[in-house]
Amino acid sequence: HNKYILMNVPDGAVEKICNVLPGMRSPTIVPLSEAGWFSLHTVVKENEFWEVIDNLKEAGAEGILVTGIEKMIL
């Protein structure tokens, strides 16, 4: 099963977290209203995400949201 993952990431950790994340092409990165913070969005296979969750948290990811995907068209 694929999951849609969102997380808040400080500016200094964006590149490291992008390198840790399994996923499709690349994550979407959206600036937050608080300077120096971004929201990263990506789609990953559920088992791959749970394998790297600790690495994401150690790299600085916060407020990680994991949600199901009803349909995905490639």
PDB file of N, CA and C in Angstrom:
ATOM      1  N   HIS A   1       0.837  -1.190   0.000  1.00  0.00           N
ATOM      2  CA  HIS A   1       0.000   0.000   0.000  1.00  0.00           C
ATOM      3  C   HIS A   1       0.874   1.242   0.000  1.00  0.00           C
ATOM      4  N   ASN A   2       0.465   2.230  -0.771  1.00  0.00           N
ATOM      5  CA  ASN A   2       1.151   3.520  -0.764  1.00  0.00           C
ATOM      6  C   ASN A   2       0.511   4.431   0.265  1.00  0.00           C
ATOM      7  N   LYS A   3       1.342   5.282   0.845  1.00  0.00           N
ATOM      8  CA  LYS A   3       0.879   6.261   1.828  1.00  0.00           C
ATOM      9  C   LYS A   3       1.335   7.644   1.390  1.00  0.00           C
ATOM     10  N   TYR A   4       0.512   8.631   1.722  1.00  0.00           N
ATOM     11  CA  TYR A   4       0.863  10.028   1.494  1.00  0.00           C
ATOM     12  C   TYR A   4       1.463  10.532   2.796  1.00  0.00           C
ATOM     13  N   ILE A   5       2.678  11.057   2.745  1.00  0.00           N
ATOM     14  CA  ILE A   5       3.413  11.468   3.927  1.00  0.00           C
ATOM     15  C   ILE A   5       3.644  12.969   3.880  1.00  0.00           C
ATOM     16  N   LEU A   6       3.360  13.650   4.986  1.00  0.00           N
ATOM     17  CA  LEU A   6       3.645  15.073   5.127  1.00  0.00           C
ATOM     18  C   LEU A   6       4.456  15.247   6.402  1.00  0.00           C
ATOM     19  N   MET A   7       5.413  16.158   6.382  1.00  0.00           N
ATOM     20  CA  MET A   7       6.201  16.418   7.583  1.00  0.00           C
ATOM     21  C   MET A   7       6.732  17.836   7.549  1.00  0.00           C
ATOM     22  N   ASN A   8       6.957  18.403   8.713  1.00  0.00           N
ATOM     23  CA  ASN A   8       7.571  19.717   8.833  1.00  0.00           C
ATOM     24  C   ASN A   8       9.069  19.518   9.019  1.00  0.00           C
ATOM     25  N   VAL A   9       9.846  20.339   8.294  1.00  0.00           N
ATOM     26  CA  VAL A   9      11.291  20.164   8.271  1.00  0.00           C
ATOM     27  C   VAL A   9      11.977  21.531   8.350  1.00  0.00           C
ATOM     28  N   PRO A  10      12.965  21.683   9.236  1.00  0.00           N
ATOM     29  CA  PRO A  10      13.719  22.936   9.258  1.00  0.00           C
ATOM     30  C   PRO A  10      14.596  23.051   8.010  1.00  0.00           C
ATOM     31  N   ASP A  11      14.863  24.278   7.607  1.00  0.00           N
ATOM     32  CA  ASP A  11      15.621  24.551   6.387  1.00  0.00           C
ATOM     33  C   ASP A  11      16.915  23.747   6.309  1.00  0.00           C
ATOM     34  N   GLY A  12      17.658  23.674   7.380  1.00  0.00           N
ATOM     35  CA  GLY A  12      18.945  22.994   7.371  1.00  0.00           C
ATOM     36  C   GLY A  12      18.863  21.491   7.197  1.00  0.00           C
ATOM     37  N   ALA A  13      17.673  20.911   7.297  1.00  0.00           N
ATOM     38  CA  ALA A  13      17.515  19.454   7.205  1.00  0.00           C
ATOM     39  C   ALA A  13      16.833  19.005   5.914  1.00  0.00           C
ATOM     40  N   VAL A  14      16.403  19.927   5.076  1.00  0.00           N
ATOM     41  CA  VAL A  14      15.638  19.571   3.876  1.00  0.00           C
ATOM     42  C   VAL A  14      16.418  18.612   2.982  1.00  0.00           C
ATOM     43  N   GLU A  15      17.654  18.929   2.665  1.00  0.00           N
ATOM     44  CA  GLU A  15      18.427  18.084   1.749  1.00  0.00           C
ATOM     45  C   GLU A  15      18.654  16.696   2.352  1.00  0.00           C
ATOM     46  N   LYS A  16      19.006  16.639   3.619  1.00  0.00           N
ATOM     47  CA  LYS A  16      19.257  15.351   4.269  1.00  0.00           C
ATOM     48  C   LYS A  16      18.004  14.483   4.264  1.00  0.00           C
ATOM     49  N   ILE A  17      16.858  15.082   4.569  1.00  0.00           N
ATOM     50  CA  ILE A  17      15.612  14.329   4.603  1.00  0.00           C
ATOM     51  C   ILE A  17      15.210  13.875   3.200  1.00  0.00           C
ATOM     52  N   CYS A  18      15.424  14.695   2.193  1.00  0.00           N
ATOM     53  CA  CYS A  18      15.132  14.289   0.817  1.00  0.00           C
ATOM     54  C   CYS A  18      15.968  13.079   0.430  1.00  0.00           C
ATOM     55  N   ASN A  19      17.192  13.006   0.934  1.00  0.00           N
ATOM     56  CA  ASN A  19      18.055  11.867   0.639  1.00  0.00           C
ATOM     57  C   ASN A  19      17.632  10.612   1.384  1.00  0.00           C
ATOM     58  N   VAL A  20      16.979  10.767   2.534  1.00  0.00           N
ATOM     59  CA  VAL A  20      16.524   9.624   3.339  1.00  0.00           C
ATOM     60  C   VAL A  20      15.212   9.061   2.800  1.00  0.00           C
ATOM     61  N   LEU A  21      14.365   9.945   2.277  1.00  0.00           N
ATOM     62  CA  LEU A  21      13.024   9.546   1.860  1.00  0.00           C
ATOM     63  C   LEU A  21      13.030   8.619   0.654  1.00  0.00           C
ATOM     64  N   PRO A  22      12.385   7.469   0.793  1.00  0.00           N
ATOM     65  CA  PRO A  22      12.090   6.706  -0.414  1.00  0.00           C
ATOM     66  C   PRO A  22      10.912   7.408  -1.086  1.00  0.00           C
ATOM     67  N   GLY A  23      10.611   7.106  -2.289  1.00  0.00           N
ATOM     68  CA  GLY A  23       9.422   7.729  -2.838  1.00  0.00           C
ATOM     69  C   GLY A  23       9.394   7.749  -4.338  1.00  0.00           C
ATOM     70  N   MET A  24       8.496   8.562  -4.825  1.00  0.00           N
ATOM     71  CA  MET A  24       8.297   8.646  -6.256  1.00  0.00           C
ATOM     72  C   MET A  24       9.441   9.448  -6.872  1.00  0.00           C
ATOM     73  N   ARG A  25       9.170  10.471  -7.591  1.00  0.00           N
ATOM     74  CA  ARG A  25      10.215  11.247  -8.266  1.00  0.00           C
ATOM     75  C   ARG A  25      10.999  12.085  -7.260  1.00  0.00           C
ATOM     76  N   SER A  26      10.326  12.960  -6.557  1.00  0.00           N
ATOM     77  CA  SER A  26      10.947  13.767  -5.515  1.00  0.00           C
ATOM     78  C   SER A  26       9.826  14.383  -4.682  1.00  0.00           C
ATOM     79  N   PRO A  27      10.113  14.759  -3.452  1.00  0.00           N
ATOM     80  CA  PRO A  27       9.054  15.323  -2.616  1.00  0.00           C
ATOM     81  C   PRO A  27       8.669  16.732  -3.062  1.00  0.00           C
ATOM     82  N   THR A  28       7.451  17.114  -2.725  1.00  0.00           N
ATOM     83  CA  THR A  28       7.017  18.497  -2.883  1.00  0.00           C
ATOM     84  C   THR A  28       7.461  19.233  -1.636  1.00  0.00           C
ATOM     85  N   ILE A  29       8.028  20.421  -1.809  1.00  0.00           N
ATOM     86  CA  ILE A  29       8.509  21.207  -0.681  1.00  0.00           C
ATOM     87  C   ILE A  29       7.777  22.543  -0.691  1.00  0.00           C
ATOM     88  N   VAL A  30       7.062  22.821   0.405  1.00  0.00           N
ATOM     89  CA  VAL A  30       6.240  24.026   0.518  1.00  0.00           C
ATOM     90  C   VAL A  30       6.707  24.820   1.732  1.00  0.00           C
ATOM     91  N   PRO A  31       7.008  26.111   1.570  1.00  0.00           N
ATOM     92  CA  PRO A  31       7.420  26.897   2.732  1.00  0.00           C
ATOM     93  C   PRO A  31       6.263  27.077   3.713  1.00  0.00           C
ATOM     94  N   LEU A  32       6.564  27.023   5.006  1.00  0.00           N
ATOM     95  CA  LEU A  32       5.569  27.303   6.035  1.00  0.00           C
ATOM     96  C   LEU A  32       5.558  28.803   6.317  1.00  0.00           C
ATOM     97  N   SER A  33       4.551  29.267   7.041  1.00  0.00           N
ATOM     98  CA  SER A  33       4.495  30.689   7.370  1.00  0.00           C
ATOM     99  C   SER A  33       5.587  31.078   8.354  1.00  0.00           C
ATOM    100  N   GLU A  34       6.113  30.107   9.101  1.00  0.00           N
ATOM    101  CA  GLU A  34       7.237  30.367  10.004  1.00  0.00           C
ATOM    102  C   GLU A  34       8.529  30.283   9.199  1.00  0.00           C
ATOM    103  N   ALA A  35       9.289  31.355   9.199  1.00  0.00           N
ATOM    104  CA  ALA A  35      10.526  31.398   8.418  1.00  0.00           C
ATOM    105  C   ALA A  35      11.456  30.251   8.796  1.00  0.00           C
ATOM    106  N   GLY A  36      12.098  29.673   7.787  1.00  0.00           N
ATOM    107  CA  GLY A  36      13.071  28.623   8.027  1.00  0.00           C
ATOM    108  C   GLY A  36      12.485  27.230   8.142  1.00  0.00           C
ATOM    109  N   TRP A  37      11.190  27.083   7.885  1.00  0.00           N
ATOM    110  CA  TRP A  37      10.527  25.772   7.984  1.00  0.00           C
ATOM    111  C   TRP A  37       9.781  25.464   6.693  1.00  0.00           C
ATOM    112  N   PHE A  38       9.742  24.170   6.360  1.00  0.00           N
ATOM    113  CA  PHE A  38       9.078  23.711   5.152  1.00  0.00           C
ATOM    114  C   PHE A  38       8.214  22.502   5.456  1.00  0.00           C
ATOM    115  N   SER A  39       7.218  22.279   4.612  1.00  0.00           N
ATOM    116  CA  SER A  39       6.411  21.070   4.660  1.00  0.00           C
ATOM    117  C   SER A  39       6.816  20.214   3.468  1.00  0.00           C
ATOM    118  N   LEU A  40       7.246  18.987   3.733  1.00  0.00           N
ATOM    119  CA  LEU A  40       7.602  18.051   2.671  1.00  0.00           C
ATOM    120  C   LEU A  40       6.466  17.067   2.493  1.00  0.00           C
ATOM    121  N   HIS A  41       6.072  16.834   1.250  1.00  0.00           N
ATOM    122  CA  HIS A  41       4.986  15.916   0.904  1.00  0.00           C
ATOM    123  C   HIS A  41       5.536  14.900  -0.079  1.00  0.00           C
ATOM    124  N   THR A  42       5.212  13.625   0.125  1.00  0.00           N
ATOM    125  CA  THR A  42       5.634  12.600  -0.813  1.00  0.00           C
ATOM    126  C   THR A  42       4.753  11.370  -0.683  1.00  0.00           C
ATOM    127  N   VAL A  43       4.882  10.475  -1.630  1.00  0.00           N
ATOM    128  CA  VAL A  43       4.176   9.197  -1.603  1.00  0.00           C
ATOM    129  C   VAL A  43       5.228   8.103  -1.479  1.00  0.00           C
ATOM    130  N   VAL A  44       5.012   7.211  -0.523  1.00  0.00           N
ATOM    131  CA  VAL A  44       5.948   6.101  -0.328  1.00  0.00           C
ATOM    132  C   VAL A  44       5.171   4.817  -0.069  1.00  0.00           C
ATOM    133  N   LYS A  45       5.841   3.706  -0.311  1.00  0.00           N
ATOM    134  CA  LYS A  45       5.263   2.426   0.084  1.00  0.00           C
ATOM    135  C   LYS A  45       5.296   2.356   1.600  1.00  0.00           C
ATOM    136  N   GLU A  46       4.213   1.873   2.186  1.00  0.00           N
ATOM    137  CA  GLU A  46       4.074   1.882   3.636  1.00  0.00           C
ATOM    138  C   GLU A  46       5.255   1.206   4.333  1.00  0.00           C
ATOM    139  N   ASN A  47       5.664   0.043   3.866  1.00  0.00           N
ATOM    140  CA  ASN A  47       6.757  -0.665   4.546  1.00  0.00           C
ATOM    141  C   ASN A  47       8.079   0.093   4.428  1.00  0.00           C
ATOM    142  N   GLU A  48       8.317   0.801   3.318  1.00  0.00           N
ATOM    143  CA  GLU A  48       9.539   1.584   3.168  1.00  0.00           C
ATOM    144  C   GLU A  48       9.558   2.757   4.126  1.00  0.00           C
ATOM    145  N   PHE A  49       8.397   3.384   4.325  1.00  0.00           N
ATOM    146  CA  PHE A  49       8.343   4.522   5.237  1.00  0.00           C
ATOM    147  C   PHE A  49       8.684   4.097   6.658  1.00  0.00           C
ATOM    148  N   TRP A  50       8.100   3.012   7.123  1.00  0.00           N
ATOM    149  CA  TRP A  50       8.333   2.594   8.512  1.00  0.00           C
ATOM    150  C   TRP A  50       9.778   2.163   8.722  1.00  0.00           C
ATOM    151  N   GLU A  51      10.466   1.784   7.654  1.00  0.00           N
ATOM    152  CA  GLU A  51      11.884   1.429   7.768  1.00  0.00           C
ATOM    153  C   GLU A  51      12.761   2.656   7.996  1.00  0.00           C
ATOM    154  N   VAL A  52      12.327   3.854   7.545  1.00  0.00           N
ATOM    155  CA  VAL A  52      13.163   5.053   7.645  1.00  0.00           C
ATOM    156  C   VAL A  52      12.628   6.099   8.622  1.00  0.00           C
ATOM    157  N   ILE A  53      11.522   5.821   9.309  1.00  0.00           N
ATOM    158  CA  ILE A  53      10.914   6.819  10.194  1.00  0.00           C
ATOM    159  C   ILE A  53      11.899   7.352  11.225  1.00  0.00           C
ATOM    160  N   ASP A  54      12.690   6.491  11.841  1.00  0.00           N
ATOM    161  CA  ASP A  54      13.640   6.955  12.853  1.00  0.00           C
ATOM    162  C   ASP A  54      14.701   7.867  12.235  1.00  0.00           C
ATOM    163  N   ASN A  55      15.141   7.542  11.017  1.00  0.00           N
ATOM    164  CA  ASN A  55      16.123   8.389  10.334  1.00  0.00           C
ATOM    165  C   ASN A  55      15.549   9.766  10.020  1.00  0.00           C
ATOM    166  N   LEU A  56      14.275   9.823   9.651  1.00  0.00           N
ATOM    167  CA  LEU A  56      13.632  11.107   9.364  1.00  0.00           C
ATOM    168  C   LEU A  56      13.570  11.961  10.623  1.00  0.00           C
ATOM    169  N   LYS A  57      13.174  11.352  11.734  1.00  0.00           N
ATOM    170  CA  LYS A  57      13.091  12.089  12.997  1.00  0.00           C
ATOM    171  C   LYS A  57      14.471  12.557  13.448  1.00  0.00           C
ATOM    172  N   GLU A  58      15.472  11.706  13.322  1.00  0.00           N
ATOM    173  CA  GLU A  58      16.840  12.084  13.698  1.00  0.00           C
ATOM    174  C   GLU A  58      17.365  13.222  12.824  1.00  0.00           C
ATOM    175  N   ALA A  59      16.919  13.270  11.573  1.00  0.00           N
ATOM    176  CA  ALA A  59      17.354  14.317  10.647  1.00  0.00           C
ATOM    177  C   ALA A  59      16.634  15.641  10.886  1.00  0.00           C
ATOM    178  N   GLY A  60      15.575  15.638  11.714  1.00  0.00           N
ATOM    179  CA  GLY A  60      14.898  16.891  12.046  1.00  0.00           C
ATOM    180  C   GLY A  60      13.444  16.982  11.664  1.00  0.00           C
ATOM    181  N   ALA A  61      12.871  15.935  11.064  1.00  0.00           N
ATOM    182  CA  ALA A  61      11.453  15.979  10.684  1.00  0.00           C
ATOM    183  C   ALA A  61      10.568  15.995  11.923  1.00  0.00           C
ATOM    184  N   GLU A  62       9.518  16.788  11.878  1.00  0.00           N
ATOM    185  CA  GLU A  62       8.557  16.899  12.974  1.00  0.00           C
ATOM    186  C   GLU A  62       7.147  16.836  12.414  1.00  0.00           C
ATOM    187  N   GLY A  63       6.179  16.579  13.286  1.00  0.00           N
ATOM    188  CA  GLY A  63       4.774  16.614  12.878  1.00  0.00           C
ATOM    189  C   GLY A  63       4.501  15.735  11.681  1.00  0.00           C
ATOM    190  N   ILE A  64       4.998  14.526  11.702  1.00  0.00           N
ATOM    191  CA  ILE A  64       4.877  13.621  10.552  1.00  0.00           C
ATOM    192  C   ILE A  64       3.462  13.060  10.482  1.00  0.00           C
ATOM    193  N   LEU A  65       2.827  13.231   9.333  1.00  0.00           N
ATOM    194  CA  LEU A  65       1.469  12.751   9.102  1.00  0.00           C
ATOM    195  C   LEU A  65       1.522  11.681   8.021  1.00  0.00           C
ATOM    196  N   VAL A  66       0.923  10.537   8.307  1.00  0.00           N
ATOM    197  CA  VAL A  66       0.863   9.421   7.363  1.00  0.00           C
ATOM    198  C   VAL A  66      -0.616   9.158   7.091  1.00  0.00           C
ATOM    199  N   THR A  67      -1.000   9.202   5.835  1.00  0.00           N
ATOM    200  CA  THR A  67      -2.402   8.995   5.501  1.00  0.00           C
ATOM    201  C   THR A  67      -2.520   8.074   4.288  1.00  0.00           C
ATOM    202  N   GLY A  68      -3.635   7.381   4.204  1.00  0.00           N
ATOM    203  CA  GLY A  68      -3.868   6.477   3.083  1.00  0.00           C
ATOM    204  C   GLY A  68      -4.197   7.215   1.810  1.00  0.00           C
ATOM    205  N   ILE A  69      -4.067   6.534   0.707  1.00  0.00           N
ATOM    206  CA  ILE A  69      -4.383   7.092  -0.611  1.00  0.00           C
ATOM    207  C   ILE A  69      -5.538   6.268  -1.182  1.00  0.00           C
ATOM    208  N   GLU A  70      -6.611   6.949  -1.522  1.00  0.00           N
ATOM    209  CA  GLU A  70      -7.759   6.237  -2.090  1.00  0.00           C
ATOM    210  C   GLU A  70      -7.456   5.736  -3.497  1.00  0.00           C
ATOM    211  N   LYS A  71      -6.926   6.635  -4.340  1.00  0.00           N
ATOM    212  CA  LYS A  71      -6.562   6.276  -5.712  1.00  0.00           C
ATOM    213  C   LYS A  71      -5.336   7.064  -6.106  1.00  0.00           C
ATOM    214  N   MET A  72      -4.531   6.461  -6.985  1.00  0.00           N
ATOM    215  CA  MET A  72      -3.366   7.153  -7.504  1.00  0.00           C
ATOM    216  C   MET A  72      -3.232   6.792  -8.974  1.00  0.00           C
ATOM    217  N   ILE A  73      -3.134   7.787  -9.825  1.00  0.00           N
ATOM    218  CA  ILE A  73      -3.033   7.590 -11.256  1.00  0.00           C
ATOM    219  C   ILE A  73      -1.631   7.977 -11.689  1.00  0.00           C
ATOM    220  N   LEU A  74      -0.928   7.040 -12.298  1.00  0.00           N
ATOM    221  CA  LEU A  74       0.449   7.296 -12.719  1.00  0.00           C
ATOM    222  C   LEU A  74       0.511   7.637 -14.188  1.00  0.00           C
TER     223      LEU A  74
END
